[in-house]
Amino acid sequence: MSDKSPVFIIKNEKQDRQCEVDGGKLRGEFENLKEILPTNLADNRGLAEIKKAIQLYISNLEHVGTPLPKLWVRVRIALENDSRNYISVEEYFTLCRVNNLTDKKDMLLKRSISP
């Protein structure tokens, strides 16, 4: 996870009960806290606004649009087809090597981003 990743707090106001969240205090602890958004998942009130906010922040992440190594596509497909929620870093490195992705920098997607 990146320290620059935007963070959202989504308040589920079940039965329309308001939940007070001290945004100022939380922003003091989490400088990447972008928005505190209310919703009611019973009727999806506010869900469209949440989706729009997430799409906006994702589109502005600095690495979006950065080319990936072609070999990484095979690794991504293998990860998407794995039913587990978690694999160890050793398993990930093995998966990369099996798919001919051997450069550690490429495995970790630590590529310099040109302005």
PDB file of N, CA and C in Angstrom:
ATOM      1  N   MET A   1       0.846  -1.169   0.000  1.00  0.00           N
ATOM      2  CA  MET A   1       0.000   0.000   0.000  1.00  0.00           C
ATOM      3  C   MET A   1       0.891   1.231   0.000  1.00  0.00           C
ATOM      4  N   SER A   2       0.463   2.218  -0.733  1.00  0.00           N
ATOM      5  CA  SER A   2       1.244   3.434  -0.850  1.00  0.00           C
ATOM      6  C   SER A   2       0.823   4.455   0.198  1.00  0.00           C
ATOM      7  N   ASP A   3       1.801   5.205   0.680  1.00  0.00           N
ATOM      8  CA  ASP A   3       1.480   6.279   1.611  1.00  0.00           C
ATOM      9  C   ASP A   3       0.692   7.382   0.932  1.00  0.00           C
ATOM     10  N   LYS A   4       0.738   7.424  -0.413  1.00  0.00           N
ATOM     11  CA  LYS A   4       0.041   8.461  -1.162  1.00  0.00           C
ATOM     12  C   LYS A   4      -1.356   8.029  -1.589  1.00  0.00           C
ATOM     13  N   SER A   5      -1.751   6.814  -1.278  1.00  0.00           N
ATOM     14  CA  SER A   5      -3.071   6.338  -1.685  1.00  0.00           C
ATOM     15  C   SER A   5      -4.153   7.148  -0.988  1.00  0.00           C
ATOM     16  N   PRO A   6      -5.144   7.597  -1.769  1.00  0.00           N
ATOM     17  CA  PRO A   6      -6.242   8.330  -1.134  1.00  0.00           C
ATOM     18  C   PRO A   6      -7.060   7.412  -0.233  1.00  0.00           C
ATOM     19  N   VAL A   7      -7.501   7.961   0.888  1.00  0.00           N
ATOM     20  CA  VAL A   7      -8.292   7.201   1.854  1.00  0.00           C
ATOM     21  C   VAL A   7      -9.671   7.852   1.964  1.00  0.00           C
ATOM     22  N   PHE A   8     -10.689   7.010   1.993  1.00  0.00           N
ATOM     23  CA  PHE A   8     -12.064   7.463   2.177  1.00  0.00           C
ATOM     24  C   PHE A   8     -12.626   6.785   3.414  1.00  0.00           C
ATOM     25  N   ILE A   9     -13.483   7.485   4.103  1.00  0.00           N
ATOM     26  CA  ILE A   9     -14.285   6.866   5.151  1.00  0.00           C
ATOM     27  C   ILE A   9     -15.699   6.859   4.616  1.00  0.00           C
ATOM     28  N   ILE A  10     -16.285   5.675   4.573  1.00  0.00           N
ATOM     29  CA  ILE A  10     -17.655   5.517   4.100  1.00  0.00           C
ATOM     30  C   ILE A  10     -18.513   5.204   5.317  1.00  0.00           C
ATOM     31  N   LYS A  11     -19.463   6.091   5.597  1.00  0.00           N
ATOM     32  CA  LYS A  11     -20.344   5.923   6.757  1.00  0.00           C
ATOM     33  C   LYS A  11     -21.647   5.293   6.278  1.00  0.00           C
ATOM     34  N   ASN A  12     -21.934   4.100   6.741  1.00  0.00           N
ATOM     35  CA  ASN A  12     -23.208   3.454   6.432  1.00  0.00           C
ATOM     36  C   ASN A  12     -24.222   3.907   7.478  1.00  0.00           C
ATOM     37  N   GLU A  13     -25.114   4.773   7.060  1.00  0.00           N
ATOM     38  CA  GLU A  13     -26.115   5.326   7.970  1.00  0.00           C
ATOM     39  C   GLU A  13     -27.343   4.432   7.973  1.00  0.00           C
ATOM     40  N   LYS A  14     -27.159   3.279   8.590  1.00  0.00           N
ATOM     41  CA  LYS A  14     -28.222   2.276   8.666  1.00  0.00           C
ATOM     42  C   LYS A  14     -29.463   2.876   9.301  1.00  0.00           C
ATOM     43  N   GLN A  15     -30.594   2.617   8.689  1.00  0.00           N
ATOM     44  CA  GLN A  15     -31.887   3.147   9.145  1.00  0.00           C
ATOM     45  C   GLN A  15     -31.830   4.673   9.265  1.00  0.00           C
ATOM     46  N   ASP A  16     -31.016   5.289   8.365  1.00  0.00           N
ATOM     47  CA  ASP A  16     -30.854   6.749   8.295  1.00  0.00           C
ATOM     48  C   ASP A  16     -30.360   7.380   9.596  1.00  0.00           C
ATOM     49  N   ARG A  17     -29.685   6.601  10.424  1.00  0.00           N
ATOM     50  CA  ARG A  17     -29.074   7.158  11.635  1.00  0.00           C
ATOM     51  C   ARG A  17     -27.774   7.854  11.251  1.00  0.00           C
ATOM     52  N   GLN A  18     -27.631   9.079  11.635  1.00  0.00           N
ATOM     53  CA  GLN A  18     -26.436   9.856  11.330  1.00  0.00           C
ATOM     54  C   GLN A  18     -25.288   9.419  12.241  1.00  0.00           C
ATOM     55  N   CYS A  19     -24.128   9.360  11.690  1.00  0.00           N
ATOM     56  CA  CYS A  19     -22.929   8.989  12.447  1.00  0.00           C
ATOM     57  C   CYS A  19     -21.945  10.145  12.339  1.00  0.00           C
ATOM     58  N   GLU A  20     -21.620  10.729  13.460  1.00  0.00           N
ATOM     59  CA  GLU A  20     -20.682  11.847  13.460  1.00  0.00           C
ATOM     60  C   GLU A  20     -19.248  11.310  13.473  1.00  0.00           C
ATOM     61  N   VAL A  21     -18.460  11.819  12.561  1.00  0.00           N
ATOM     62  CA  VAL A  21     -17.055  11.440  12.460  1.00  0.00           C
ATOM     63  C   VAL A  21     -16.247  12.731  12.534  1.00  0.00           C
ATOM     64  N   ASP A  22     -15.245  12.757  13.396  1.00  0.00           N
ATOM     65  CA  ASP A  22     -14.408  13.943  13.554  1.00  0.00           C
ATOM     66  C   ASP A  22     -13.357  13.965  12.441  1.00  0.00           C
ATOM     67  N   GLY A  23     -13.742  14.576  11.315  1.00  0.00           N
ATOM     68  CA  GLY A  23     -12.855  14.630  10.152  1.00  0.00           C
ATOM     69  C   GLY A  23     -11.560  15.356  10.423  1.00  0.00           C
ATOM     70  N   GLY A  24     -11.620  16.430  11.196  1.00  0.00           N
ATOM     71  CA  GLY A  24     -10.404  17.184  11.511  1.00  0.00           C
ATOM     72  C   GLY A  24      -9.391  16.349  12.264  1.00  0.00           C
ATOM     73  N   LYS A  25      -9.873  15.621  13.253  1.00  0.00           N
ATOM     74  CA  LYS A  25      -8.977  14.768  14.036  1.00  0.00           C
ATOM     75  C   LYS A  25      -8.398  13.654  13.165  1.00  0.00           C
ATOM     76  N   LEU A  26      -9.251  13.046  12.344  1.00  0.00           N
ATOM     77  CA  LEU A  26      -8.782  11.960  11.485  1.00  0.00           C
ATOM     78  C   LEU A  26      -7.777  12.450  10.445  1.00  0.00           C
ATOM     79  N   ARG A  27      -8.002  13.638   9.905  1.00  0.00           N
ATOM     80  CA  ARG A  27      -7.055  14.198   8.926  1.00  0.00           C
ATOM     81  C   ARG A  27      -5.704  14.481   9.582  1.00  0.00           C
ATOM     82  N   GLY A  28      -5.720  14.772  10.887  1.00  0.00           N
ATOM     83  CA  GLY A  28      -4.467  14.949  11.615  1.00  0.00           C
ATOM     84  C   GLY A  28      -3.675  13.657  11.699  1.00  0.00           C
ATOM     85  N   GLU A  29      -4.381  12.531  11.748  1.00  0.00           N
ATOM     86  CA  GLU A  29      -3.727  11.228  11.826  1.00  0.00           C
ATOM     87  C   GLU A  29      -3.430  10.656  10.440  1.00  0.00           C
ATOM     88  N   PHE A  30      -4.300  10.951   9.479  1.00  0.00           N
ATOM     89  CA  PHE A  30      -4.185  10.383   8.136  1.00  0.00           C
ATOM     90  C   PHE A  30      -4.237  11.522   7.130  1.00  0.00           C
ATOM     91  N   GLU A  31      -3.065  12.042   6.766  1.00  0.00           N
ATOM     92  CA  GLU A  31      -3.049  13.200   5.876  1.00  0.00           C
ATOM     93  C   GLU A  31      -3.557  12.879   4.475  1.00  0.00           C
ATOM     94  N   ASN A  32      -3.656  11.601   4.138  1.00  0.00           N
ATOM     95  CA  ASN A  32      -4.171  11.226   2.823  1.00  0.00           C
ATOM     96  C   ASN A  32      -5.677  10.935   2.858  1.00  0.00           C
ATOM     97  N   LEU A  33      -6.343  11.270   3.971  1.00  0.00           N
ATOM     98  CA  LEU A  33      -7.796  11.133   4.048  1.00  0.00           C
ATOM     99  C   LEU A  33      -8.410  12.193   3.145  1.00  0.00           C
ATOM    100  N   LYS A  34      -9.130  11.753   2.136  1.00  0.00           N
ATOM    101  CA  LYS A  34      -9.682  12.666   1.143  1.00  0.00           C
ATOM    102  C   LYS A  34     -11.115  13.066   1.441  1.00  0.00           C
ATOM    103  N   GLU A  35     -11.949  12.090   1.728  1.00  0.00           N
ATOM    104  CA  GLU A  35     -13.360  12.406   1.917  1.00  0.00           C
ATOM    105  C   GLU A  35     -14.000  11.467   2.933  1.00  0.00           C
ATOM    106  N   ILE A  36     -15.018  11.993   3.575  1.00  0.00           N
ATOM    107  CA  ILE A  36     -15.882  11.205   4.448  1.00  0.00           C
ATOM    108  C   ILE A  36     -17.250  11.263   3.799  1.00  0.00           C
ATOM    109  N   LEU A  37     -17.718  10.116   3.332  1.00  0.00           N
ATOM    110  CA  LEU A  37     -18.940  10.084   2.529  1.00  0.00           C
ATOM    111  C   LEU A  37     -20.006   9.220   3.189  1.00  0.00           C
ATOM    112  N   PRO A  38     -21.237   9.740   3.252  1.00  0.00           N
ATOM    113  CA  PRO A  38     -22.330   8.959   3.833  1.00  0.00           C
ATOM    114  C   PRO A  38     -23.028   8.098   2.785  1.00  0.00           C
ATOM    115  N   THR A  39     -23.572   6.995   3.233  1.00  0.00           N
ATOM    116  CA  THR A  39     -24.391   6.140   2.382  1.00  0.00           C
ATOM    117  C   THR A  39     -25.388   5.413   3.265  1.00  0.00           C
ATOM    118  N   ASN A  40     -26.343   4.796   2.632  1.00  0.00           N
ATOM    119  CA  ASN A  40     -27.232   3.869   3.314  1.00  0.00           C
ATOM    120  C   ASN A  40     -27.312   2.666   2.388  1.00  0.00           C
ATOM    121  N   LEU A  41     -26.641   1.614   2.744  1.00  0.00           N
ATOM    122  CA  LEU A  41     -26.554   0.456   1.868  1.00  0.00           C
ATOM    123  C   LEU A  41     -27.870  -0.296   1.742  1.00  0.00           C
ATOM    124  N   ALA A  42     -28.831   0.017   2.589  1.00  0.00           N
ATOM    125  CA  ALA A  42     -30.145  -0.617   2.468  1.00  0.00           C
ATOM    126  C   ALA A  42     -30.847  -0.157   1.193  1.00  0.00           C
ATOM    127  N   ASP A  43     -30.666   1.128   0.832  1.00  0.00           N
ATOM    128  CA  ASP A  43     -31.311   1.640  -0.383  1.00  0.00           C
ATOM    129  C   ASP A  43     -30.302   2.255  -1.360  1.00  0.00           C
ATOM    130  N   ASN A  44     -29.010   2.082  -1.079  1.00  0.00           N
ATOM    131  CA  ASN A  44     -27.915   2.580  -1.923  1.00  0.00           C
ATOM    132  C   ASN A  44     -27.860   4.107  -2.021  1.00  0.00           C
ATOM    133  N   ARG A  45     -28.466   4.800  -1.076  1.00  0.00           N
ATOM    134  CA  ARG A  45     -28.366   6.259  -1.065  1.00  0.00           C
ATOM    135  C   ARG A  45     -26.898   6.650  -0.925  1.00  0.00           C
ATOM    136  N   GLY A  46     -26.440   7.530  -1.787  1.00  0.00           N
ATOM    137  CA  GLY A  46     -25.069   8.022  -1.734  1.00  0.00           C
ATOM    138  C   GLY A  46     -24.057   7.155  -2.452  1.00  0.00           C
ATOM    139  N   LEU A  47     -24.462   5.987  -2.915  1.00  0.00           N
ATOM    140  CA  LEU A  47     -23.509   5.073  -3.552  1.00  0.00           C
ATOM    141  C   LEU A  47     -22.961   5.633  -4.860  1.00  0.00           C
ATOM    142  N   ALA A  48     -23.801   6.326  -5.633  1.00  0.00           N
ATOM    143  CA  ALA A  48     -23.337   6.918  -6.898  1.00  0.00           C
ATOM    144  C   ALA A  48     -22.250   7.964  -6.639  1.00  0.00           C
ATOM    145  N   GLU A  49     -22.414   8.758  -5.595  1.00  0.00           N
ATOM    146  CA  GLU A  49     -21.421   9.779  -5.255  1.00  0.00           C
ATOM    147  C   GLU A  49     -20.106   9.141  -4.808  1.00  0.00           C
ATOM    148  N   ILE A  50     -20.217   8.052  -4.064  1.00  0.00           N
ATOM    149  CA  ILE A  50     -19.017   7.335  -3.628  1.00  0.00           C
ATOM    150  C   ILE A  50     -18.271   6.783  -4.839  1.00  0.00           C
ATOM    151  N   LYS A  51     -19.006   6.167  -5.742  1.00  0.00           N
ATOM    152  CA  LYS A  51     -18.395   5.608  -6.954  1.00  0.00           C
ATOM    153  C   LYS A  51     -17.721   6.705  -7.771  1.00  0.00           C
ATOM    154  N   LYS A  52     -18.365   7.842  -7.905  1.00  0.00           N
ATOM    155  CA  LYS A  52     -17.809   8.956  -8.673  1.00  0.00           C
ATOM    156  C   LYS A  52     -16.518   9.474  -8.024  1.00  0.00           C
ATOM    157  N   ALA A  53     -16.520   9.601  -6.690  1.00  0.00           N
ATOM    158  CA  ALA A  53     -15.334  10.080  -5.972  1.00  0.00           C
ATOM    159  C   ALA A  53     -14.170   9.103  -6.134  1.00  0.00           C
ATOM    160  N   ILE A  54     -14.445   7.809  -6.020  1.00  0.00           N
ATOM    161  CA  ILE A  54     -13.388   6.799  -6.173  1.00  0.00           C
ATOM    162  C   ILE A  54     -12.816   6.849  -7.589  1.00  0.00           C
ATOM    163  N   GLN A  55     -13.678   6.936  -8.590  1.00  0.00           N
ATOM    164  CA  GLN A  55     -13.212   7.004  -9.981  1.00  0.00           C
ATOM    165  C   GLN A  55     -12.352   8.243 -10.207  1.00  0.00           C
ATOM    166  N   LEU A  56     -12.752   9.373  -9.632  1.00  0.00           N
ATOM    167  CA  LEU A  56     -11.984  10.610  -9.786  1.00  0.00           C
ATOM    168  C   LEU A  56     -10.589  10.460  -9.192  1.00  0.00           C
ATOM    169  N   TYR A  57     -10.506   9.965  -7.966  1.00  0.00           N
ATOM    170  CA  TYR A  57      -9.204   9.832  -7.318  1.00  0.00           C
ATOM    171  C   TYR A  57      -8.338   8.785  -8.010  1.00  0.00           C
ATOM    172  N   ILE A  58      -8.939   7.696  -8.466  1.00  0.00           N
ATOM    173  CA  ILE A  58      -8.160   6.676  -9.181  1.00  0.00           C
ATOM    174  C   ILE A  58      -7.573   7.264 -10.455  1.00  0.00           C
ATOM    175  N   SER A  59      -8.371   8.016 -11.197  1.00  0.00           N
ATOM    176  CA  SER A  59      -7.894   8.566 -12.465  1.00  0.00           C
ATOM    177  C   SER A  59      -6.762   9.564 -12.272  1.00  0.00           C
ATOM    178  N   ASN A  60      -6.633  10.115 -11.063  1.00  0.00           N
ATOM    179  CA  ASN A  60      -5.576  11.095 -10.804  1.00  0.00           C
ATOM    180  C   ASN A  60      -4.345  10.511 -10.108  1.00  0.00           C
ATOM    181  N   LEU A  61      -4.331   9.206  -9.854  1.00  0.00           N
ATOM    182  CA  LEU A  61      -3.145   8.594  -9.257  1.00  0.00           C
ATOM    183  C   LEU A  61      -1.988   8.686 -10.246  1.00  0.00           C
ATOM    184  N   GLU A  62      -0.805   8.991  -9.739  1.00  0.00           N
ATOM    185  CA  GLU A  62       0.324   9.255 -10.631  1.00  0.00           C
ATOM    186  C   GLU A  62       0.757   8.044 -11.454  1.00  0.00           C
ATOM    187  N   HIS A  63       0.491   6.838 -10.992  1.00  0.00           N
ATOM    188  CA  HIS A  63       0.942   5.671 -11.737  1.00  0.00           C
ATOM    189  C   HIS A  63      -0.076   5.184 -12.766  1.00  0.00           C
ATOM    190  N   VAL A  64      -1.286   5.752 -12.772  1.00  0.00           N
ATOM    191  CA  VAL A  64      -2.290   5.332 -13.745  1.00  0.00           C
ATOM    192  C   VAL A  64      -1.806   5.761 -15.130  1.00  0.00           C
ATOM    193  N   GLY A  65      -1.794   4.827 -16.034  1.00  0.00           N
ATOM    194  CA  GLY A  65      -1.317   5.092 -17.390  1.00  0.00           C
ATOM    195  C   GLY A  65       0.148   4.759 -17.600  1.00  0.00           C
ATOM    196  N   THR A  66       0.856   4.418 -16.518  1.00  0.00           N
ATOM    197  CA  THR A  66       2.255   4.039 -16.641  1.00  0.00           C
ATOM    198  C   THR A  66       2.331   2.651 -17.266  1.00  0.00           C
ATOM    199  N   PRO A  67       3.109   2.518 -18.343  1.00  0.00           N
ATOM    200  CA  PRO A  67       3.205   1.193 -18.972  1.00  0.00           C
ATOM    201  C   PRO A  67       3.795   0.155 -18.025  1.00  0.00           C
ATOM    202  N   LEU A  68       3.247  -1.047 -18.088  1.00  0.00           N
ATOM    203  CA  LEU A  68       3.753  -2.164 -17.306  1.00  0.00           C
ATOM    204  C   LEU A  68       4.559  -3.079 -18.219  1.00  0.00           C
ATOM    205  N   PRO A  69       5.469  -3.842 -17.658  1.00  0.00           N
ATOM    206  CA  PRO A  69       6.172  -4.828 -18.474  1.00  0.00           C
ATOM    207  C   PRO A  69       5.146  -5.791 -19.090  1.00  0.00           C
ATOM    208  N   LYS A  70       5.321  -6.144 -20.364  1.00  0.00           N
ATOM    209  CA  LYS A  70       4.368  -7.032 -21.040  1.00  0.00           C
ATOM    210  C   LYS A  70       4.204  -8.354 -20.302  1.00  0.00           C
ATOM    211  N   LEU A  71       5.278  -8.843 -19.730  1.00  0.00           N
ATOM    212  CA  LEU A  71       5.203 -10.118 -19.030  1.00  0.00           C
ATOM    213  C   LEU A  71       4.314 -10.037 -17.800  1.00  0.00           C
ATOM    214  N   TRP A  72       4.119  -8.839 -17.268  1.00  0.00           N
ATOM    215  CA  TRP A  72       3.326  -8.703 -16.060  1.00  0.00           C
ATOM    216  C   TRP A  72       1.864  -9.045 -16.314  1.00  0.00           C
ATOM    217  N   VAL A  73       1.402  -8.903 -17.540  1.00  0.00           N
ATOM    218  CA  VAL A  73       0.008  -9.229 -17.867  1.00  0.00           C
ATOM    219  C   VAL A  73      -0.277 -10.687 -17.522  1.00  0.00           C
ATOM    220  N   ARG A  74       0.660 -11.575 -17.846  1.00  0.00           N
ATOM    221  CA  ARG A  74       0.468 -12.999 -17.528  1.00  0.00           C
ATOM    222  C   ARG A  74       0.414 -13.222 -16.027  1.00  0.00           C
ATOM    223  N   VAL A  75       1.234 -12.502 -15.297  1.00  0.00           N
ATOM    224  CA  VAL A  75       1.237 -12.617 -13.839  1.00  0.00           C
ATOM    225  C   VAL A  75      -0.106 -12.131 -13.295  1.00  0.00           C
ATOM    226  N   ARG A  76      -0.586 -11.002 -13.802  1.00  0.00           N
ATOM    227  CA  ARG A  76      -1.879 -10.479 -13.345  1.00  0.00           C
ATOM    228  C   ARG A  76      -2.998 -11.477 -13.604  1.00  0.00           C
ATOM    229  N   ILE A  77      -3.015 -12.088 -14.782  1.00  0.00           N
ATOM    230  CA  ILE A  77      -4.045 -13.080 -15.113  1.00  0.00           C
ATOM    231  C   ILE A  77      -3.969 -14.261 -14.154  1.00  0.00           C
ATOM    232  N   ALA A  78      -2.751 -14.709 -13.873  1.00  0.00           N
ATOM    233  CA  ALA A  78      -2.577 -15.829 -12.940  1.00  0.00           C
ATOM    234  C   ALA A  78      -3.093 -15.455 -11.547  1.00  0.00           C
ATOM    235  N   LEU A  79      -2.818 -14.229 -11.109  1.00  0.00           N
ATOM    236  CA  LEU A  79      -3.308 -13.779  -9.805  1.00  0.00           C
ATOM    237  C   LEU A  79      -4.833 -13.679  -9.795  1.00  0.00           C
ATOM    238  N   GLU A  80      -5.404 -13.174 -10.877  1.00  0.00           N
ATOM    239  CA  GLU A  80      -6.868 -13.045 -10.953  1.00  0.00           C
ATOM    240  C   GLU A  80      -7.548 -14.407 -10.935  1.00  0.00           C
ATOM    241  N   ASN A  81      -6.885 -15.429 -11.467  1.00  0.00           N
ATOM    242  CA  ASN A  81      -7.464 -16.766 -11.517  1.00  0.00           C
ATOM    243  C   ASN A  81      -7.193 -17.588 -10.262  1.00  0.00           C
ATOM    244  N   ASP A  82      -6.421 -17.038  -9.344  1.00  0.00           N
ATOM    245  CA  ASP A  82      -6.142 -17.716  -8.080  1.00  0.00           C
ATOM    246  C   ASP A  82      -7.276 -17.390  -7.111  1.00  0.00           C
ATOM    247  N   SER A  83      -7.889 -18.400  -6.546  1.00  0.00           N
ATOM    248  CA  SER A  83      -9.061 -18.179  -5.687  1.00  0.00           C
ATOM    249  C   SER A  83      -8.700 -17.678  -4.296  1.00  0.00           C
ATOM    250  N   ARG A  84      -7.428 -17.710  -3.956  1.00  0.00           N
ATOM    251  CA  ARG A  84      -7.021 -17.273  -2.614  1.00  0.00           C
ATOM    252  C   ARG A  84      -7.030 -15.744  -2.517  1.00  0.00           C
ATOM    253  N   ASN A  85      -7.258 -15.256  -1.332  1.00  0.00           N
ATOM    254  CA  ASN A  85      -7.226 -13.819  -1.092  1.00  0.00           C
ATOM    255  C   ASN A  85      -5.813 -13.312  -0.809  1.00  0.00           C
ATOM    256  N   TYR A  86      -4.899 -14.214  -0.538  1.00  0.00           N
ATOM    257  CA  TYR A  86      -3.557 -13.827  -0.125  1.00  0.00           C
ATOM    258  C   TYR A  86      -2.571 -14.909  -0.531  1.00  0.00           C
ATOM    259  N   ILE A  87      -1.411 -14.489  -1.026  1.00  0.00           N
ATOM    260  CA  ILE A  87      -0.293 -15.419  -1.221  1.00  0.00           C
ATOM    261  C   ILE A  87       0.937 -14.764  -0.601  1.00  0.00           C
ATOM    262  N   SER A  88       1.890 -15.590  -0.235  1.00  0.00           N
ATOM    263  CA  SER A  88       3.115 -15.038   0.359  1.00  0.00           C
ATOM    264  C   SER A  88       3.937 -14.360  -0.730  1.00  0.00           C
ATOM    265  N   VAL A  89       4.843 -13.521  -0.306  1.00  0.00           N
ATOM    266  CA  VAL A  89       5.710 -12.846  -1.269  1.00  0.00           C
ATOM    267  C   VAL A  89       6.582 -13.865  -2.007  1.00  0.00           C
ATOM    268  N   GLU A  90       6.959 -14.939  -1.322  1.00  0.00           N
ATOM    269  CA  GLU A  90       7.753 -15.976  -1.972  1.00  0.00           C
ATOM    270  C   GLU A  90       6.951 -16.644  -3.094  1.00  0.00           C
ATOM    271  N   GLU A  91       5.664 -16.929  -2.820  1.00  0.00           N
ATOM    272  CA  GLU A  91       4.803 -17.518  -3.852  1.00  0.00           C
ATOM    273  C   GLU A  91       4.637 -16.553  -5.023  1.00  0.00           C
ATOM    274  N   TYR A  92       4.516 -15.265  -4.714  1.00  0.00           N
ATOM    275  CA  TYR A  92       4.383 -14.259  -5.764  1.00  0.00           C
ATOM    276  C   TYR A  92       5.640 -14.225  -6.638  1.00  0.00           C
ATOM    277  N   PHE A  93       6.822 -14.220  -6.018  1.00  0.00           N
ATOM    278  CA  PHE A  93       8.066 -14.211  -6.788  1.00  0.00           C
ATOM    279  C   PHE A  93       8.181 -15.464  -7.659  1.00  0.00           C
ATOM    280  N   THR A  94       7.774 -16.609  -7.134  1.00  0.00           N
ATOM    281  CA  THR A  94       7.786 -17.848  -7.916  1.00  0.00           C
ATOM    282  C   THR A  94       6.842 -17.737  -9.098  1.00  0.00           C
ATOM    283  N   LEU A  95       5.653 -17.207  -8.867  1.00  0.00           N
ATOM    284  CA  LEU A  95       4.675 -17.006  -9.936  1.00  0.00           C
ATOM    285  C   LEU A  95       5.258 -16.097 -11.024  1.00  0.00           C
ATOM    286  N   CYS A  96       5.940 -15.060 -10.615  1.00  0.00           N
ATOM    287  CA  CYS A  96       6.581 -14.158 -11.576  1.00  0.00           C
ATOM    288  C   CYS A  96       7.619 -14.902 -12.407  1.00  0.00           C
ATOM    289  N   ARG A  97       8.484 -15.657 -11.729  1.00  0.00           N
ATOM    290  CA  ARG A  97       9.544 -16.374 -12.452  1.00  0.00           C
ATOM    291  C   ARG A  97       8.959 -17.403 -13.419  1.00  0.00           C
ATOM    292  N   VAL A  98       7.903 -18.103 -13.015  1.00  0.00           N
ATOM    293  CA  VAL A  98       7.244 -19.084 -13.887  1.00  0.00           C
ATOM    294  C   VAL A  98       6.727 -18.406 -15.159  1.00  0.00           C
ATOM    295  N   ASN A  99       6.344 -17.144 -15.028  1.00  0.00           N
ATOM    296  CA  ASN A  99       5.825 -16.394 -16.163  1.00  0.00           C
ATOM    297  C   ASN A  99       6.900 -15.516 -16.817  1.00  0.00           C
ATOM    298  N   ASN A 100       8.167 -15.888 -16.595  1.00  0.00           N
ATOM    299  CA  ASN A 100       9.327 -15.242 -17.215  1.00  0.00           C
ATOM    300  C   ASN A 100       9.521 -13.779 -16.824  1.00  0.00           C
ATOM    301  N   LEU A 101       8.978 -13.376 -15.706  1.00  0.00           N
ATOM    302  CA  LEU A 101       9.217 -12.043 -15.179  1.00  0.00           C
ATOM    303  C   LEU A 101      10.263 -12.203 -14.087  1.00  0.00           C
ATOM    304  N   THR A 102      11.497 -11.873 -14.410  1.00  0.00           N
ATOM    305  CA  THR A 102      12.604 -12.185 -13.504  1.00  0.00           C
ATOM    306  C   THR A 102      13.246 -10.958 -12.867  1.00  0.00           C
ATOM    307  N   ASP A 103      13.027  -9.781 -13.413  1.00  0.00           N
ATOM    308  CA  ASP A 103      13.613  -8.567 -12.861  1.00  0.00           C
ATOM    309  C   ASP A 103      12.845  -8.178 -11.593  1.00  0.00           C
ATOM    310  N   LYS A 104      13.543  -8.115 -10.470  1.00  0.00           N
ATOM    311  CA  LYS A 104      12.904  -7.825  -9.179  1.00  0.00           C
ATOM    312  C   LYS A 104      12.161  -6.481  -9.215  1.00  0.00           C
ATOM    313  N   LYS A 105      12.735  -5.504  -9.910  1.00  0.00           N
ATOM    314  CA  LYS A 105      12.094  -4.195 -10.014  1.00  0.00           C
ATOM    315  C   LYS A 105      10.750  -4.317 -10.736  1.00  0.00           C
ATOM    316  N   ASP A 106      10.704  -5.125 -11.783  1.00  0.00           N
ATOM    317  CA  ASP A 106       9.452  -5.345 -12.502  1.00  0.00           C
ATOM    318  C   ASP A 106       8.465  -6.142 -11.655  1.00  0.00           C
ATOM    319  N   MET A 107       8.973  -7.106 -10.898  1.00  0.00           N
ATOM    320  CA  MET A 107       8.099  -7.896 -10.026  1.00  0.00           C
ATOM    321  C   MET A 107       7.372  -7.004  -9.038  1.00  0.00           C
ATOM    322  N   LEU A 108       8.073  -6.010  -8.523  1.00  0.00           N
ATOM    323  CA  LEU A 108       7.507  -5.129  -7.510  1.00  0.00           C
ATOM    324  C   LEU A 108       6.886  -3.885  -8.114  1.00  0.00           C
ATOM    325  N   LEU A 109       6.903  -3.781  -9.432  1.00  0.00           N
ATOM    326  CA  LEU A 109       6.335  -2.646 -10.158  1.00  0.00           C
ATOM    327  C   LEU A 109       6.920  -1.330  -9.700  1.00  0.00           C
ATOM    328  N   LYS A 110       8.195  -1.356  -9.298  1.00  0.00           N
ATOM    329  CA  LYS A 110       8.853  -0.127  -8.860  1.00  0.00           C
ATOM    330  C   LYS A 110       9.555   0.474 -10.076  1.00  0.00           C
ATOM    331  N   ARG A 111       8.771   1.144 -10.847  1.00  0.00           N
ATOM    332  CA  ARG A 111       9.283   1.757 -12.068  1.00  0.00           C
ATOM    333  C   ARG A 111       9.280   3.256 -11.884  1.00  0.00           C
ATOM    334  N   SER A 112      10.289   3.903 -12.420  1.00  0.00           N
ATOM    335  CA  SER A 112      10.285   5.352 -12.317  1.00  0.00           C
ATOM    336  C   SER A 112       9.224   5.911 -13.246  1.00  0.00           C
ATOM    337  N   ILE A 113       8.568   6.945 -12.790  1.00  0.00           N
ATOM    338  CA  ILE A 113       7.499   7.559 -13.567  1.00  0.00           C
ATOM    339  C   ILE A 113       8.032   8.867 -14.133  1.00  0.00           C
ATOM    340  N   SER A 114       8.023   8.951 -15.443  1.00  0.00           N
ATOM    341  CA  SER A 114       8.502  10.166 -16.089  1.00  0.00           C
ATOM    342  C   SER A 114       7.389  11.212 -16.114  1.00  0.00           C
ATOM    343  N   PRO A 115       7.734  12.479 -15.862  1.00  0.00           N
ATOM    344  CA  PRO A 115       6.705  13.527 -15.909  1.00  0.00           C
ATOM    345  C   PRO A 115       6.250  13.782 -17.320  1.00  0.00           C
TER     346      PRO A 115
END
